[in-house]
Amino acid sequence: MTPFFERLLLHEDGAAPGPWNMALDQAWLELAGRPVLRVYGWTEPTVTLGYAQSLAKLRDSLPTWPVVRRWTGGGVVLHQGDATYSVIVPATDDWAQTSALESYQRIHGSLADALCEHGVAGCRLALPEDVVEAPFCFVAPAVHDVIRGRVKVAGAGQRRGRLGLLHQGSVQQVLPPEGFWRSWAARLAREVEGVAVAPPEVLARARELVAGRYDLPEWLEERDDRLPKR
């Protein structure tokens, strides 16, 4: 497969609380000058809700874990021992204009191929006949999710707009081996540059987003925030 990008930043991040993880993804989208693959973990088991989901309707079916609302769509994801990543494409990159369906197909197709190459045999993209409707992401394959047999092993939510494309994904039921993310990054881009720590301006913006959005009860409940209008 031809690489999507000429240059890609690979940010293999550590574990963090839910609000910080969501804020850092958004900060990267707002400020990155080139595409970023961010790989990260969670300091404790955490629930993420899709942007449009109703917490009031789902509350009784959720575990007693911290809950954070994503800026991306999709269903409920339970983060406990999963491998979580984001593909962040600024609006200045032509690939940000890729349609939703095509971007899901191409990102997940590349991910499925990489998993197979690293010993996770049988991964493929879900077809219409594999689709299940349910509010919990990993019991509900959508078209172009990654499945293995009848088990969904990778899904994602996206946000698209004037800032570009944010694709937040999770790999579950299988454990990517050591070195997997750099290997996959090399499939995504012709040139990959590792980043140990996000730039100061990205970290500063993430702190603003935690305080003004992702750590607020009104964001979790009603998608309201206290951010200045831009």
C-alpha atoms as a PDB file:
ATOM      1  CA  MET A   1       0.000   0.000   0.000  1.00  0.00           C
ATOM      2  CA  THR A   2       1.285   3.474  -0.889  1.00  0.00           C
ATOM      3  CA  PRO A   3       1.985   5.574   2.236  1.00  0.00           C
ATOM      4  CA  PHE A   4      -0.673   8.171   3.030  1.00  0.00           C
ATOM      5  CA  PHE A   5       1.729  10.897   4.148  1.00  0.00           C
ATOM      6  CA  GLU A   6       5.161  12.191   3.214  1.00  0.00           C
ATOM      7  CA  ARG A   7       6.133  12.911   6.845  1.00  0.00           C
ATOM      8  CA  LEU A   8       4.589  11.753  10.120  1.00  0.00           C
ATOM      9  CA  LEU A   9       5.295  12.485  13.768  1.00  0.00           C
ATOM     10  CA  LEU A  10       5.111   9.370  15.987  1.00  0.00           C
ATOM     11  CA  HIS A  11       4.299  10.290  19.579  1.00  0.00           C
ATOM     12  CA  GLU A  12       4.493   7.144  21.721  1.00  0.00           C
ATOM     13  CA  ASP A  13       3.037   8.686  24.857  1.00  0.00           C
ATOM     14  CA  GLY A  14       2.614   7.262  28.347  1.00  0.00           C
ATOM     15  CA  ALA A  15      -0.482   6.524  30.411  1.00  0.00           C
ATOM     16  CA  ALA A  16      -2.690   9.440  31.487  1.00  0.00           C
ATOM     17  CA  PRO A  17      -6.198  10.130  32.854  1.00  0.00           C
ATOM     18  CA  GLY A  18      -9.079  10.313  30.393  1.00  0.00           C
ATOM     19  CA  PRO A  19      -9.505  14.121  30.289  1.00  0.00           C
ATOM     20  CA  TRP A  20      -5.803  14.607  29.520  1.00  0.00           C
ATOM     21  CA  ASN A  21      -5.806  11.997  26.769  1.00  0.00           C
ATOM     22  CA  MET A  22      -8.777  13.620  25.061  1.00  0.00           C
ATOM     23  CA  ALA A  23      -7.368  17.124  25.493  1.00  0.00           C
ATOM     24  CA  LEU A  24      -3.950  16.243  24.108  1.00  0.00           C
ATOM     25  CA  ASP A  25      -5.466  14.741  20.969  1.00  0.00           C
ATOM     26  CA  GLN A  26      -7.451  17.922  20.370  1.00  0.00           C
ATOM     27  CA  ALA A  27      -4.429  20.128  21.087  1.00  0.00           C
ATOM     28  CA  TRP A  28      -2.357  18.189  18.552  1.00  0.00           C
ATOM     29  CA  LEU A  29      -5.114  18.637  15.966  1.00  0.00           C
ATOM     30  CA  GLU A  30      -5.255  22.389  16.578  1.00  0.00           C
ATOM     31  CA  LEU A  31      -1.494  22.981  16.530  1.00  0.00           C
ATOM     32  CA  ALA A  32       0.298  20.223  14.597  1.00  0.00           C
ATOM     33  CA  GLY A  33       1.967  21.308  11.391  1.00  0.00           C
ATOM     34  CA  ARG A  34       1.987  17.793   9.976  1.00  0.00           C
ATOM     35  CA  PRO A  35       0.203  14.461  10.579  1.00  0.00           C
ATOM     36  CA  VAL A  36       0.708  12.757  13.949  1.00  0.00           C
ATOM     37  CA  LEU A  37       0.278   9.165  15.100  1.00  0.00           C
ATOM     38  CA  ARG A  38      -0.156   9.312  18.881  1.00  0.00           C
ATOM     39  CA  VAL A  39      -0.125   6.061  20.879  1.00  0.00           C
ATOM     40  CA  TYR A  40      -1.108   6.216  24.543  1.00  0.00           C
ATOM     41  CA  GLY A  41      -2.454   4.430  27.597  1.00  0.00           C
ATOM     42  CA  TRP A  42      -4.691   5.026  30.615  1.00  0.00           C
ATOM     43  CA  THR A  43      -3.736   5.425  34.259  1.00  0.00           C
ATOM     44  CA  GLU A  44      -6.890   3.532  35.293  1.00  0.00           C
ATOM     45  CA  PRO A  45      -9.775   1.721  33.588  1.00  0.00           C
ATOM     46  CA  THR A  46     -11.796   4.426  31.827  1.00  0.00           C
ATOM     47  CA  VAL A  47     -14.987   4.729  29.783  1.00  0.00           C
ATOM     48  CA  THR A  48     -15.099   7.054  26.783  1.00  0.00           C
ATOM     49  CA  LEU A  49     -18.423   8.118  25.289  1.00  0.00           C
ATOM     50  CA  GLY A  50     -18.933   9.156  21.695  1.00  0.00           C
ATOM     51  CA  TYR A  51     -19.594  12.858  21.194  1.00  0.00           C
ATOM     52  CA  ALA A  52     -23.310  12.434  20.456  1.00  0.00           C
ATOM     53  CA  GLN A  53     -24.129   9.759  23.048  1.00  0.00           C
ATOM     54  CA  SER A  54     -26.422  10.419  26.009  1.00  0.00           C
ATOM     55  CA  LEU A  55     -24.828   9.738  29.384  1.00  0.00           C
ATOM     56  CA  ALA A  56     -28.268   9.794  31.019  1.00  0.00           C
ATOM     57  CA  LYS A  57     -29.437   6.907  28.828  1.00  0.00           C
ATOM     58  CA  LEU A  58     -26.257   4.880  29.249  1.00  0.00           C
ATOM     59  CA  ARG A  59     -25.337   5.525  32.864  1.00  0.00           C
ATOM     60  CA  ASP A  60     -26.946   2.393  34.343  1.00  0.00           C
ATOM     61  CA  SER A  61     -25.154   0.127  31.866  1.00  0.00           C
ATOM     62  CA  LEU A  62     -21.654   1.532  32.463  1.00  0.00           C
ATOM     63  CA  PRO A  63     -19.077   0.155  34.898  1.00  0.00           C
ATOM     64  CA  THR A  64     -18.156   2.298  37.900  1.00  0.00           C
ATOM     65  CA  TRP A  65     -15.098   3.717  36.156  1.00  0.00           C
ATOM     66  CA  PRO A  66     -14.203   7.328  35.351  1.00  0.00           C
ATOM     67  CA  VAL A  67     -16.092   8.493  32.268  1.00  0.00           C
ATOM     68  CA  VAL A  68     -14.996  11.108  29.714  1.00  0.00           C
ATOM     69  CA  ARG A  69     -16.725  12.309  26.560  1.00  0.00           C
ATOM     70  CA  ARG A  70     -14.729  12.202  23.334  1.00  0.00           C
ATOM     71  CA  TRP A  71     -14.732  14.922  20.686  1.00  0.00           C
ATOM     72  CA  THR A  72     -15.155  12.158  18.102  1.00  0.00           C
ATOM     73  CA  GLY A  73     -18.214  10.076  17.247  1.00  0.00           C
ATOM     74  CA  GLY A  74     -18.797   6.372  17.715  1.00  0.00           C
ATOM     75  CA  GLY A  75     -19.942   4.286  20.647  1.00  0.00           C
ATOM     76  CA  VAL A  76     -18.944   3.530  24.219  1.00  0.00           C
ATOM     77  CA  VAL A  77     -15.384   2.222  24.562  1.00  0.00           C
ATOM     78  CA  LEU A  78     -14.119   0.502  27.708  1.00  0.00           C
ATOM     79  CA  HIS A  79     -10.397   1.174  28.034  1.00  0.00           C
ATOM     80  CA  GLN A  80      -8.785  -1.516  30.147  1.00  0.00           C
ATOM     81  CA  GLY A  81      -5.650  -3.090  28.761  1.00  0.00           C
ATOM     82  CA  ASP A  82      -6.409  -1.953  25.221  1.00  0.00           C
ATOM     83  CA  ALA A  83      -3.965  -0.281  22.837  1.00  0.00           C
ATOM     84  CA  THR A  84      -5.171   3.228  22.043  1.00  0.00           C
ATOM     85  CA  TYR A  85      -4.006   5.469  19.221  1.00  0.00           C
ATOM     86  CA  SER A  86      -4.986   8.587  17.304  1.00  0.00           C
ATOM     87  CA  VAL A  87      -4.248   9.587  13.717  1.00  0.00           C
ATOM     88  CA  ILE A  88      -4.252  13.390  13.623  1.00  0.00           C
ATOM     89  CA  VAL A  89      -4.246  15.123  10.226  1.00  0.00           C
ATOM     90  CA  PRO A  90      -4.184  18.936  10.104  1.00  0.00           C
ATOM     91  CA  ALA A  91      -6.327  20.720   7.523  1.00  0.00           C
ATOM     92  CA  THR A  92      -3.180  21.823   5.682  1.00  0.00           C
ATOM     93  CA  ASP A  93      -2.571  18.204   4.616  1.00  0.00           C
ATOM     94  CA  ASP A  94      -4.497  17.064   1.534  1.00  0.00           C
ATOM     95  CA  TRP A  95      -5.318  13.750   3.245  1.00  0.00           C
ATOM     96  CA  ALA A  96      -7.611  15.614   5.659  1.00  0.00           C
ATOM     97  CA  GLN A  97     -10.071  15.933   2.758  1.00  0.00           C
ATOM     98  CA  THR A  98     -10.399  12.154   2.361  1.00  0.00           C
ATOM     99  CA  SER A  99     -14.053  11.136   2.765  1.00  0.00           C
ATOM    100  CA  ALA A 100     -15.158   9.531   6.021  1.00  0.00           C
ATOM    101  CA  LEU A 101     -15.824   6.124   4.457  1.00  0.00           C
ATOM    102  CA  GLU A 102     -12.564   6.074   2.512  1.00  0.00           C
ATOM    103  CA  SER A 103     -10.483   7.228   5.479  1.00  0.00           C
ATOM    104  CA  TYR A 104     -11.932   4.498   7.726  1.00  0.00           C
ATOM    105  CA  GLN A 105     -11.299   1.908   5.024  1.00  0.00           C
ATOM    106  CA  ARG A 106      -7.740   2.987   4.350  1.00  0.00           C
ATOM    107  CA  ILE A 107      -6.633   3.498   7.972  1.00  0.00           C
ATOM    108  CA  HIS A 108      -8.210   0.263   9.191  1.00  0.00           C
ATOM    109  CA  GLY A 109      -7.086  -1.653   6.114  1.00  0.00           C
ATOM    110  CA  SER A 110      -3.508  -0.602   6.804  1.00  0.00           C
ATOM    111  CA  LEU A 111      -3.919  -1.467  10.505  1.00  0.00           C
ATOM    112  CA  ALA A 112      -5.346  -4.929   9.692  1.00  0.00           C
ATOM    113  CA  ASP A 113      -2.465  -5.646   7.298  1.00  0.00           C
ATOM    114  CA  ALA A 114       0.074  -4.549   9.923  1.00  0.00           C
ATOM    115  CA  LEU A 115      -1.515  -6.771  12.587  1.00  0.00           C
ATOM    116  CA  CYS A 116      -1.432  -9.763  10.237  1.00  0.00           C
ATOM    117  CA  GLU A 117       2.194  -9.028   9.383  1.00  0.00           C
ATOM    118  CA  HIS A 118       3.020  -9.066  13.104  1.00  0.00           C
ATOM    119  CA  GLY A 119       1.488 -12.449  13.781  1.00  0.00           C
ATOM    120  CA  VAL A 120      -2.148 -11.572  14.502  1.00  0.00           C
ATOM    121  CA  ALA A 121      -3.560 -13.746  11.749  1.00  0.00           C
ATOM    122  CA  GLY A 122      -7.055 -13.487  10.293  1.00  0.00           C
ATOM    123  CA  CYS A 123      -7.655  -9.737  10.655  1.00  0.00           C
ATOM    124  CA  ARG A 124      -9.915  -8.256   7.984  1.00  0.00           C
ATOM    125  CA  LEU A 125     -12.297  -5.364   7.435  1.00  0.00           C
ATOM    126  CA  ALA A 126     -15.925  -5.812   8.450  1.00  0.00           C
ATOM    127  CA  LEU A 127     -18.452  -6.111   5.617  1.00  0.00           C
ATOM    128  CA  PRO A 128     -22.105  -4.980   5.703  1.00  0.00           C
ATOM    129  CA  GLU A 129     -23.181  -8.463   6.767  1.00  0.00           C
ATOM    130  CA  ASP A 130     -20.900  -8.233   9.832  1.00  0.00           C
ATOM    131  CA  VAL A 131     -22.519  -5.027  11.138  1.00  0.00           C
ATOM    132  CA  VAL A 132     -24.210  -5.036  14.571  1.00  0.00           C
ATOM    133  CA  GLU A 133     -26.181  -2.096  16.006  1.00  0.00           C
ATOM    134  CA  ALA A 134     -25.429  -1.439  19.696  1.00  0.00           C
ATOM    135  CA  PRO A 135     -24.224   1.505  21.833  1.00  0.00           C
ATOM    136  CA  PHE A 136     -21.054  -0.301  22.980  1.00  0.00           C
ATOM    137  CA  CYS A 137     -18.364  -0.056  20.333  1.00  0.00           C
ATOM    138  CA  PHE A 138     -16.681  -3.441  20.700  1.00  0.00           C
ATOM    139  CA  VAL A 139     -19.846  -5.528  20.499  1.00  0.00           C
ATOM    140  CA  ALA A 140     -20.976  -3.582  17.418  1.00  0.00           C
ATOM    141  CA  PRO A 141     -18.768  -3.905  14.327  1.00  0.00           C
ATOM    142  CA  ALA A 142     -19.352  -1.201  11.724  1.00  0.00           C
ATOM    143  CA  VAL A 143     -18.340  -1.393   8.073  1.00  0.00           C
ATOM    144  CA  HIS A 144     -14.525  -1.165   7.797  1.00  0.00           C
ATOM    145  CA  ASP A 145     -13.865  -1.927  11.453  1.00  0.00           C
ATOM    146  CA  VAL A 146     -11.188  -4.605  11.951  1.00  0.00           C
ATOM    147  CA  ILE A 147     -12.543  -8.022  12.886  1.00  0.00           C
ATOM    148  CA  ARG A 148     -10.985 -11.429  13.456  1.00  0.00           C
ATOM    149  CA  GLY A 149     -13.491 -14.169  12.858  1.00  0.00           C
ATOM    150  CA  ARG A 150     -16.617 -12.675  14.447  1.00  0.00           C
ATOM    151  CA  VAL A 151     -14.693 -10.668  17.052  1.00  0.00           C
ATOM    152  CA  LYS A 152     -14.120  -6.935  16.604  1.00  0.00           C
ATOM    153  CA  VAL A 153     -10.496  -6.109  17.400  1.00  0.00           C
ATOM    154  CA  ALA A 154     -10.224  -2.484  16.261  1.00  0.00           C
ATOM    155  CA  GLY A 155     -12.664   0.378  15.955  1.00  0.00           C
ATOM    156  CA  ALA A 156     -12.540   4.159  15.934  1.00  0.00           C
ATOM    157  CA  GLY A 157     -14.438   7.422  16.016  1.00  0.00           C
ATOM    158  CA  GLN A 158     -13.691  10.477  13.902  1.00  0.00           C
ATOM    159  CA  ARG A 159     -14.124  14.215  13.924  1.00  0.00           C
ATOM    160  CA  ARG A 160     -13.760  16.185  10.717  1.00  0.00           C
ATOM    161  CA  GLY A 161     -13.899  19.947  10.231  1.00  0.00           C
ATOM    162  CA  ARG A 162     -11.951  23.131   9.607  1.00  0.00           C
ATOM    163  CA  LEU A 163      -9.096  21.918  11.843  1.00  0.00           C
ATOM    164  CA  GLY A 164      -8.645  18.692   9.889  1.00  0.00           C
ATOM    165  CA  LEU A 165      -9.232  15.028  10.780  1.00  0.00           C
ATOM    166  CA  LEU A 166      -9.048  13.375  14.203  1.00  0.00           C
ATOM    167  CA  HIS A 167      -9.309   9.560  14.142  1.00  0.00           C
ATOM    168  CA  GLN A 168      -9.305   8.049  17.675  1.00  0.00           C
ATOM    169  CA  GLY A 169      -8.942   4.280  17.665  1.00  0.00           C
ATOM    170  CA  SER A 170      -8.663   1.331  20.043  1.00  0.00           C
ATOM    171  CA  VAL A 171      -7.237  -2.164  19.521  1.00  0.00           C
ATOM    172  CA  GLN A 172      -8.740  -4.794  21.824  1.00  0.00           C
ATOM    173  CA  GLN A 173      -8.754  -8.586  22.245  1.00  0.00           C
ATOM    174  CA  VAL A 174      -5.252  -8.738  20.686  1.00  0.00           C
ATOM    175  CA  LEU A 175      -2.000  -7.214  21.927  1.00  0.00           C
ATOM    176  CA  PRO A 176       0.198  -5.498  19.323  1.00  0.00           C
ATOM    177  CA  PRO A 177       3.785  -6.732  19.816  1.00  0.00           C
ATOM    178  CA  GLU A 178       6.728  -4.525  20.722  1.00  0.00           C
ATOM    179  CA  GLY A 179       7.743  -2.313  17.836  1.00  0.00           C
ATOM    180  CA  PHE A 180       4.338  -2.576  16.194  1.00  0.00           C
ATOM    181  CA  TRP A 181       3.493   1.139  16.228  1.00  0.00           C
ATOM    182  CA  ARG A 182       6.727   2.264  14.609  1.00  0.00           C
ATOM    183  CA  SER A 183       6.295  -0.442  12.003  1.00  0.00           C
ATOM    184  CA  TRP A 184       2.726   0.703  11.295  1.00  0.00           C
ATOM    185  CA  ALA A 185       3.861   4.338  11.192  1.00  0.00           C
ATOM    186  CA  ALA A 186       6.304   3.357   8.446  1.00  0.00           C
ATOM    187  CA  ARG A 187       3.342   2.049   6.455  1.00  0.00           C
ATOM    188  CA  LEU A 188       1.496   5.332   6.904  1.00  0.00           C
ATOM    189  CA  ALA A 189       4.319   7.686   5.896  1.00  0.00           C
ATOM    190  CA  ARG A 190       7.504   7.745   3.853  1.00  0.00           C
ATOM    191  CA  GLU A 191       9.363   9.497   6.685  1.00  0.00           C
ATOM    192  CA  VAL A 192       8.650   8.985  10.420  1.00  0.00           C
ATOM    193  CA  GLU A 193      10.031  11.211  13.171  1.00  0.00           C
ATOM    194  CA  GLY A 194       9.715  10.088  16.793  1.00  0.00           C
ATOM    195  CA  VAL A 195       8.566  12.637  19.378  1.00  0.00           C
ATOM    196  CA  ALA A 196       9.172  11.781  23.040  1.00  0.00           C
ATOM    197  CA  VAL A 197       7.218  14.738  24.459  1.00  0.00           C
ATOM    198  CA  ALA A 198       4.627  16.980  22.839  1.00  0.00           C
ATOM    199  CA  PRO A 199       5.810  20.561  22.127  1.00  0.00           C
ATOM    200  CA  PRO A 200       5.265  23.128  24.905  1.00  0.00           C
ATOM    201  CA  GLU A 201       2.495  24.920  23.017  1.00  0.00           C
ATOM    202  CA  VAL A 202       0.596  21.649  22.553  1.00  0.00           C
ATOM    203  CA  LEU A 203       0.940  20.789  26.245  1.00  0.00           C
ATOM    204  CA  ALA A 204      -0.192  24.291  27.250  1.00  0.00           C
ATOM    205  CA  ARG A 205      -3.263  24.068  25.022  1.00  0.00           C
ATOM    206  CA  ALA A 206      -4.062  20.594  26.388  1.00  0.00           C
ATOM    207  CA  ARG A 207      -4.062  22.000  29.925  1.00  0.00           C
ATOM    208  CA  GLU A 208      -6.544  24.690  28.818  1.00  0.00           C
ATOM    209  CA  LEU A 209      -8.756  22.036  27.236  1.00  0.00           C
ATOM    210  CA  VAL A 210      -8.747  19.866  30.369  1.00  0.00           C
ATOM    211  CA  ALA A 211      -9.803  22.815  32.534  1.00  0.00           C
ATOM    212  CA  GLY A 212     -12.290  24.286  30.082  1.00  0.00           C
ATOM    213  CA  ARG A 213     -13.830  21.157  28.578  1.00  0.00           C
ATOM    214  CA  TYR A 214     -12.832  17.569  29.264  1.00  0.00           C
ATOM    215  CA  ASP A 215     -12.760  17.672  33.062  1.00  0.00           C
ATOM    216  CA  LEU A 216     -16.114  19.467  33.375  1.00  0.00           C
ATOM    217  CA  PRO A 217     -19.388  17.771  34.405  1.00  0.00           C
ATOM    218  CA  GLU A 218     -21.271  19.916  31.875  1.00  0.00           C
ATOM    219  CA  TRP A 219     -19.123  18.564  29.023  1.00  0.00           C
ATOM    220  CA  LEU A 220     -19.748  15.008  30.143  1.00  0.00           C
ATOM    221  CA  GLU A 221     -23.468  15.544  30.629  1.00  0.00           C
ATOM    222  CA  GLU A 222     -24.452  18.026  27.921  1.00  0.00           C
ATOM    223  CA  ARG A 223     -21.408  18.740  25.692  1.00  0.00           C
ATOM    224  CA  ASP A 224     -21.145  22.256  27.129  1.00  0.00           C
ATOM    225  CA  ASP A 225     -17.773  23.827  27.908  1.00  0.00           C
ATOM    226  CA  ARG A 226     -16.203  27.049  29.197  1.00  0.00           C
ATOM    227  CA  LEU A 227     -13.745  27.620  26.377  1.00  0.00           C
ATOM    228  CA  PRO A 228     -13.440  31.093  24.838  1.00  0.00           C
ATOM    229  CA  LYS A 229     -15.100  31.261  21.437  1.00  0.00           C
ATOM    230  CA  ARG A 230     -12.564  31.243  18.600  1.00  0.00           C
END
